[in-house]
Amino acid sequence: MTTHHLKLNLQDETATERLAQKLASTILQDHASAPVQSDQAAAVIHLSGDLGAGKTTFARAFLRQCGVTGRIKSPTFALLEAYNVSSLNFYHIDFYRFSDPREWADAGFRDLFQPDSVVLIEWPEKADGTLPTADVLIQLDDHDPGRIAVLEARTPRGTRWLNKLQTNP
């Protein structure tokens, strides 16, 4: 069965972190199983949801699972936080403060989307229509108690990741 959507009830912040860790592990395993090709696109994850929905919590747990050590800062004011682990570059971008979709290209962020990169983008709708296609869009919404996470695959690679998540809960 091919999964293009997953809807999950996340009871608390720990459940949000576990989901991020599972997705990170899936992406790292996928990366390790096939060498990076020069024509391959960056791995891209869009994180959407209202303020306080858990986007930064998700990103921090994801990055920690990928091997980032030390403080993982929110990119809300700096716009971008970059990390290098082994042979991969991780970029955490927050477009909350953008008012025009073209601002991300003007800021030079287009150059970050390289084959050896994993790019997590909060508030991707602020750059709607100008970003590379996300492999997975994650919509986080408050749901008392906890959150609802809807993961939508937007590429064949994203579908592969969601299938692995579903078969390895």
C-alpha atoms as a PDB file:
ATOM      1  CA  MET A   1       0.000   0.000   0.000  1.00  0.00           C
ATOM      2  CA  THR A   2       1.302   3.450  -0.911  1.00  0.00           C
ATOM      3  CA  THR A   3       0.801   6.139   1.702  1.00  0.00           C
ATOM      4  CA  HIS A   4       0.493   9.738   0.644  1.00  0.00           C
ATOM      5  CA  HIS A   5      -1.076  10.951   3.921  1.00  0.00           C
ATOM      6  CA  LEU A   6      -0.710  10.059   7.559  1.00  0.00           C
ATOM      7  CA  LYS A   7      -2.906  11.562  10.257  1.00  0.00           C
ATOM      8  CA  LEU A   8      -1.630  11.124  13.793  1.00  0.00           C
ATOM      9  CA  ASN A   9      -2.934  12.126  17.196  1.00  0.00           C
ATOM     10  CA  LEU A  10       0.008  13.373  19.244  1.00  0.00           C
ATOM     11  CA  GLN A  11      -0.982  13.335  22.905  1.00  0.00           C
ATOM     12  CA  ASP A  12       1.799  15.611  24.143  1.00  0.00           C
ATOM     13  CA  GLU A  13       5.116  17.278  23.315  1.00  0.00           C
ATOM     14  CA  THR A  14       6.953  13.982  23.789  1.00  0.00           C
ATOM     15  CA  ALA A  15       4.801  12.382  21.074  1.00  0.00           C
ATOM     16  CA  THR A  16       5.655  15.278  18.735  1.00  0.00           C
ATOM     17  CA  GLU A  17       9.343  14.709  19.463  1.00  0.00           C
ATOM     18  CA  ARG A  18       9.016  10.952  18.845  1.00  0.00           C
ATOM     19  CA  LEU A  19       7.418  11.586  15.452  1.00  0.00           C
ATOM     20  CA  ALA A  20      10.262  13.953  14.532  1.00  0.00           C
ATOM     21  CA  GLN A  21      12.847  11.387  15.650  1.00  0.00           C
ATOM     22  CA  LYS A  22      11.204   8.634  13.586  1.00  0.00           C
ATOM     23  CA  LEU A  23      11.084  10.802  10.466  1.00  0.00           C
ATOM     24  CA  ALA A  24      14.708  11.861  10.974  1.00  0.00           C
ATOM     25  CA  SER A  25      15.817   8.239  11.343  1.00  0.00           C
ATOM     26  CA  THR A  26      13.871   7.286   8.221  1.00  0.00           C
ATOM     27  CA  ILE A  27      15.509  10.053   6.189  1.00  0.00           C
ATOM     28  CA  LEU A  28      18.988   9.201   7.485  1.00  0.00           C
ATOM     29  CA  GLN A  29      18.485   5.517   6.624  1.00  0.00           C
ATOM     30  CA  ASP A  30      17.251   6.490   3.171  1.00  0.00           C
ATOM     31  CA  HIS A  31      20.285   8.732   2.689  1.00  0.00           C
ATOM     32  CA  ALA A  32      22.685   6.005   3.860  1.00  0.00           C
ATOM     33  CA  SER A  33      21.197   3.422   1.493  1.00  0.00           C
ATOM     34  CA  ALA A  34      21.816   5.452  -1.666  1.00  0.00           C
ATOM     35  CA  PRO A  35      24.750   7.749  -2.405  1.00  0.00           C
ATOM     36  CA  VAL A  36      23.915  11.386  -3.084  1.00  0.00           C
ATOM     37  CA  GLN A  37      23.681  12.169  -6.786  1.00  0.00           C
ATOM     38  CA  SER A  38      24.638  15.591  -8.123  1.00  0.00           C
ATOM     39  CA  ASP A  39      21.234  15.957  -9.808  1.00  0.00           C
ATOM     40  CA  GLN A  40      19.325  14.929  -6.696  1.00  0.00           C
ATOM     41  CA  ALA A  41      17.232  17.538  -4.934  1.00  0.00           C
ATOM     42  CA  ALA A  42      17.672  18.495  -1.302  1.00  0.00           C
ATOM     43  CA  ALA A  43      15.400  16.739   1.167  1.00  0.00           C
ATOM     44  CA  VAL A  44      12.717  19.290   2.029  1.00  0.00           C
ATOM     45  CA  ILE A  45      10.207  19.252   4.879  1.00  0.00           C
ATOM     46  CA  HIS A  46       7.617  21.981   5.305  1.00  0.00           C
ATOM     47  CA  LEU A  47       6.241  22.592   8.808  1.00  0.00           C
ATOM     48  CA  SER A  48       2.917  24.422   8.966  1.00  0.00           C
ATOM     49  CA  GLY A  49       0.647  25.349  11.837  1.00  0.00           C
ATOM     50  CA  ASP A  50      -0.358  28.220  14.065  1.00  0.00           C
ATOM     51  CA  LEU A  51       1.964  29.848  16.585  1.00  0.00           C
ATOM     52  CA  GLY A  52       2.689  27.362  19.358  1.00  0.00           C
ATOM     53  CA  ALA A  53       1.568  24.341  17.320  1.00  0.00           C
ATOM     54  CA  GLY A  54       4.905  22.557  17.765  1.00  0.00           C
ATOM     55  CA  LYS A  55       6.868  23.343  14.598  1.00  0.00           C
ATOM     56  CA  THR A  56      10.061  24.346  16.398  1.00  0.00           C
ATOM     57  CA  THR A  57       9.689  21.485  18.894  1.00  0.00           C
ATOM     58  CA  PHE A  58       9.449  19.111  15.935  1.00  0.00           C
ATOM     59  CA  ALA A  59      12.470  20.676  14.206  1.00  0.00           C
ATOM     60  CA  ARG A  60      14.628  20.526  17.348  1.00  0.00           C
ATOM     61  CA  ALA A  61      13.857  16.850  17.961  1.00  0.00           C
ATOM     62  CA  PHE A  62      14.466  16.093  14.273  1.00  0.00           C
ATOM     63  CA  LEU A  63      17.850  17.844  14.285  1.00  0.00           C
ATOM     64  CA  ARG A  64      18.888  16.258  17.582  1.00  0.00           C
ATOM     65  CA  GLN A  65      18.070  12.799  16.149  1.00  0.00           C
ATOM     66  CA  CYS A  66      20.235  13.630  13.117  1.00  0.00           C
ATOM     67  CA  GLY A  67      23.204  14.207  15.402  1.00  0.00           C
ATOM     68  CA  VAL A  68      23.156  17.944  16.019  1.00  0.00           C
ATOM     69  CA  THR A  69      24.710  18.650  19.403  1.00  0.00           C
ATOM     70  CA  GLY A  70      24.690  21.783  21.507  1.00  0.00           C
ATOM     71  CA  ARG A  71      21.993  24.405  21.548  1.00  0.00           C
ATOM     72  CA  ILE A  72      19.439  24.281  18.743  1.00  0.00           C
ATOM     73  CA  LYS A  73      18.073  27.802  18.421  1.00  0.00           C
ATOM     74  CA  SER A  74      14.807  28.869  16.859  1.00  0.00           C
ATOM     75  CA  PRO A  75      15.475  30.671  13.558  1.00  0.00           C
ATOM     76  CA  THR A  76      12.561  33.084  14.048  1.00  0.00           C
ATOM     77  CA  PHE A  77      14.799  36.151  14.336  1.00  0.00           C
ATOM     78  CA  ALA A  78      17.922  34.975  12.497  1.00  0.00           C
ATOM     79  CA  LEU A  79      15.720  33.384   9.765  1.00  0.00           C
ATOM     80  CA  LEU A  80      18.222  30.533   9.305  1.00  0.00           C
ATOM     81  CA  GLU A  81      20.150  28.154  11.521  1.00  0.00           C
ATOM     82  CA  ALA A  82      22.656  25.851   9.792  1.00  0.00           C
ATOM     83  CA  TYR A  83      24.236  22.626  11.061  1.00  0.00           C
ATOM     84  CA  ASN A  84      26.649  20.119   9.551  1.00  0.00           C
ATOM     85  CA  VAL A  85      26.681  16.502  10.658  1.00  0.00           C
ATOM     86  CA  SER A  86      28.887  14.018   8.850  1.00  0.00           C
ATOM     87  CA  SER A  87      28.252  14.476   5.126  1.00  0.00           C
ATOM     88  CA  LEU A  88      24.927  16.297   5.439  1.00  0.00           C
ATOM     89  CA  ASN A  89      24.034  19.947   5.836  1.00  0.00           C
ATOM     90  CA  PHE A  90      20.894  20.708   7.818  1.00  0.00           C
ATOM     91  CA  TYR A  91      19.101  24.023   7.431  1.00  0.00           C
ATOM     92  CA  HIS A  92      16.256  25.188   9.664  1.00  0.00           C
ATOM     93  CA  ILE A  93      14.492  28.179   8.143  1.00  0.00           C
ATOM     94  CA  ASP A  94      11.625  30.243   9.562  1.00  0.00           C
ATOM     95  CA  PHE A  95       9.695  32.510   7.189  1.00  0.00           C
ATOM     96  CA  TYR A  96       7.280  33.866   9.817  1.00  0.00           C
ATOM     97  CA  ARG A  97       8.556  37.439   9.453  1.00  0.00           C
ATOM     98  CA  PHE A  98       8.453  37.470   5.643  1.00  0.00           C
ATOM     99  CA  SER A  99       5.801  39.600   3.974  1.00  0.00           C
ATOM    100  CA  ASP A 100       6.530  38.765   0.324  1.00  0.00           C
ATOM    101  CA  PRO A 101       7.049  35.251  -1.085  1.00  0.00           C
ATOM    102  CA  ARG A 102      10.102  36.383  -3.064  1.00  0.00           C
ATOM    103  CA  GLU A 103      11.999  37.456   0.059  1.00  0.00           C
ATOM    104  CA  TRP A 104      13.448  33.980   0.570  1.00  0.00           C
ATOM    105  CA  ALA A 105      15.124  34.043  -2.847  1.00  0.00           C
ATOM    106  CA  ASP A 106      16.362  37.601  -2.279  1.00  0.00           C
ATOM    107  CA  ALA A 107      17.932  36.406   0.993  1.00  0.00           C
ATOM    108  CA  GLY A 108      19.966  33.815  -0.937  1.00  0.00           C
ATOM    109  CA  PHE A 109      18.228  30.775   0.522  1.00  0.00           C
ATOM    110  CA  ARG A 110      17.833  29.154  -2.909  1.00  0.00           C
ATOM    111  CA  ASP A 111      21.532  28.164  -2.749  1.00  0.00           C
ATOM    112  CA  LEU A 112      20.876  25.974   0.300  1.00  0.00           C
ATOM    113  CA  PHE A 113      18.877  23.415  -1.667  1.00  0.00           C
ATOM    114  CA  GLN A 114      21.786  21.142  -2.597  1.00  0.00           C
ATOM    115  CA  PRO A 115      21.837  17.320  -2.871  1.00  0.00           C
ATOM    116  CA  ASP A 116      23.638  16.961   0.478  1.00  0.00           C
ATOM    117  CA  SER A 117      21.093  19.118   2.314  1.00  0.00           C
ATOM    118  CA  VAL A 118      18.063  18.539   4.498  1.00  0.00           C
ATOM    119  CA  VAL A 119      15.943  21.679   4.738  1.00  0.00           C
ATOM    120  CA  LEU A 120      13.257  22.183   7.399  1.00  0.00           C
ATOM    121  CA  ILE A 121      11.036  25.179   6.692  1.00  0.00           C
ATOM    122  CA  GLU A 122       8.630  26.716   9.193  1.00  0.00           C
ATOM    123  CA  TRP A 123       5.873  28.908   7.785  1.00  0.00           C
ATOM    124  CA  PRO A 124       6.422  27.802   4.136  1.00  0.00           C
ATOM    125  CA  GLU A 125       3.150  29.476   3.152  1.00  0.00           C
ATOM    126  CA  LYS A 126       4.954  32.832   3.557  1.00  0.00           C
ATOM    127  CA  ALA A 127       7.003  31.883   0.467  1.00  0.00           C
ATOM    128  CA  ASP A 128       4.157  30.097  -1.287  1.00  0.00           C
ATOM    129  CA  GLY A 129       4.730  29.343  -4.945  1.00  0.00           C
ATOM    130  CA  THR A 130       8.454  30.109  -4.856  1.00  0.00           C
ATOM    131  CA  LEU A 131       9.896  27.223  -2.812  1.00  0.00           C
ATOM    132  CA  PRO A 132      11.070  23.884  -4.151  1.00  0.00           C
ATOM    133  CA  THR A 133       8.476  21.148  -3.701  1.00  0.00           C
ATOM    134  CA  ALA A 134       8.475  19.664  -0.229  1.00  0.00           C
ATOM    135  CA  ASP A 135       9.039  15.940   0.056  1.00  0.00           C
ATOM    136  CA  VAL A 136       6.719  16.034   3.066  1.00  0.00           C
ATOM    137  CA  LEU A 137       4.366  18.722   4.344  1.00  0.00           C
ATOM    138  CA  ILE A 138       3.610  18.421   8.054  1.00  0.00           C
ATOM    139  CA  GLN A 139       0.566  20.304   9.326  1.00  0.00           C
ATOM    140  CA  LEU A 140       0.461  20.585  13.118  1.00  0.00           C
ATOM    141  CA  ASP A 141      -2.760  21.706  14.786  1.00  0.00           C
ATOM    142  CA  ASP A 142      -3.775  22.037  18.418  1.00  0.00           C
ATOM    143  CA  HIS A 143      -6.241  19.382  19.509  1.00  0.00           C
ATOM    144  CA  ASP A 144      -7.106  19.194  23.188  1.00  0.00           C
ATOM    145  CA  PRO A 145      -5.282  17.303  24.500  1.00  0.00           C
ATOM    146  CA  GLY A 146      -2.168  17.449  22.360  1.00  0.00           C
ATOM    147  CA  ARG A 147      -1.960  17.965  18.622  1.00  0.00           C
ATOM    148  CA  ILE A 148      -3.023  16.481  15.340  1.00  0.00           C
ATOM    149  CA  ALA A 149      -0.237  15.977  12.797  1.00  0.00           C
ATOM    150  CA  VAL A 150      -1.096  15.453   9.152  1.00  0.00           C
ATOM    151  CA  LEU A 151       1.866  14.358   7.035  1.00  0.00           C
ATOM    152  CA  GLU A 152       1.429  14.652   3.287  1.00  0.00           C
ATOM    153  CA  ALA A 153       3.923  13.233   0.808  1.00  0.00           C
ATOM    154  CA  ARG A 154       4.501  15.536  -2.138  1.00  0.00           C
ATOM    155  CA  THR A 155       7.221  13.549  -3.949  1.00  0.00           C
ATOM    156  CA  PRO A 156       8.006   9.866  -4.548  1.00  0.00           C
ATOM    157  CA  ARG A 157      10.773  10.159  -1.951  1.00  0.00           C
ATOM    158  CA  GLY A 158       8.290  11.597   0.554  1.00  0.00           C
ATOM    159  CA  THR A 159       5.901   8.729  -0.170  1.00  0.00           C
ATOM    160  CA  ARG A 160       8.721   6.272   0.498  1.00  0.00           C
ATOM    161  CA  TRP A 161       9.438   7.948   3.837  1.00  0.00           C
ATOM    162  CA  LEU A 162       5.781   7.894   4.910  1.00  0.00           C
ATOM    163  CA  ASN A 163       5.478   4.239   3.914  1.00  0.00           C
ATOM    164  CA  LYS A 164       8.476   3.432   6.123  1.00  0.00           C
ATOM    165  CA  LEU A 165       7.003   5.455   8.992  1.00  0.00           C
ATOM    166  CA  GLN A 166       3.745   3.562   8.696  1.00  0.00           C
ATOM    167  CA  THR A 167       5.378   0.127   8.574  1.00  0.00           C
ATOM    168  CA  ASN A 168       7.833   0.895  11.413  1.00  0.00           C
ATOM    169  CA  PRO A 169       5.707   2.656  14.034  1.00  0.00           C
END
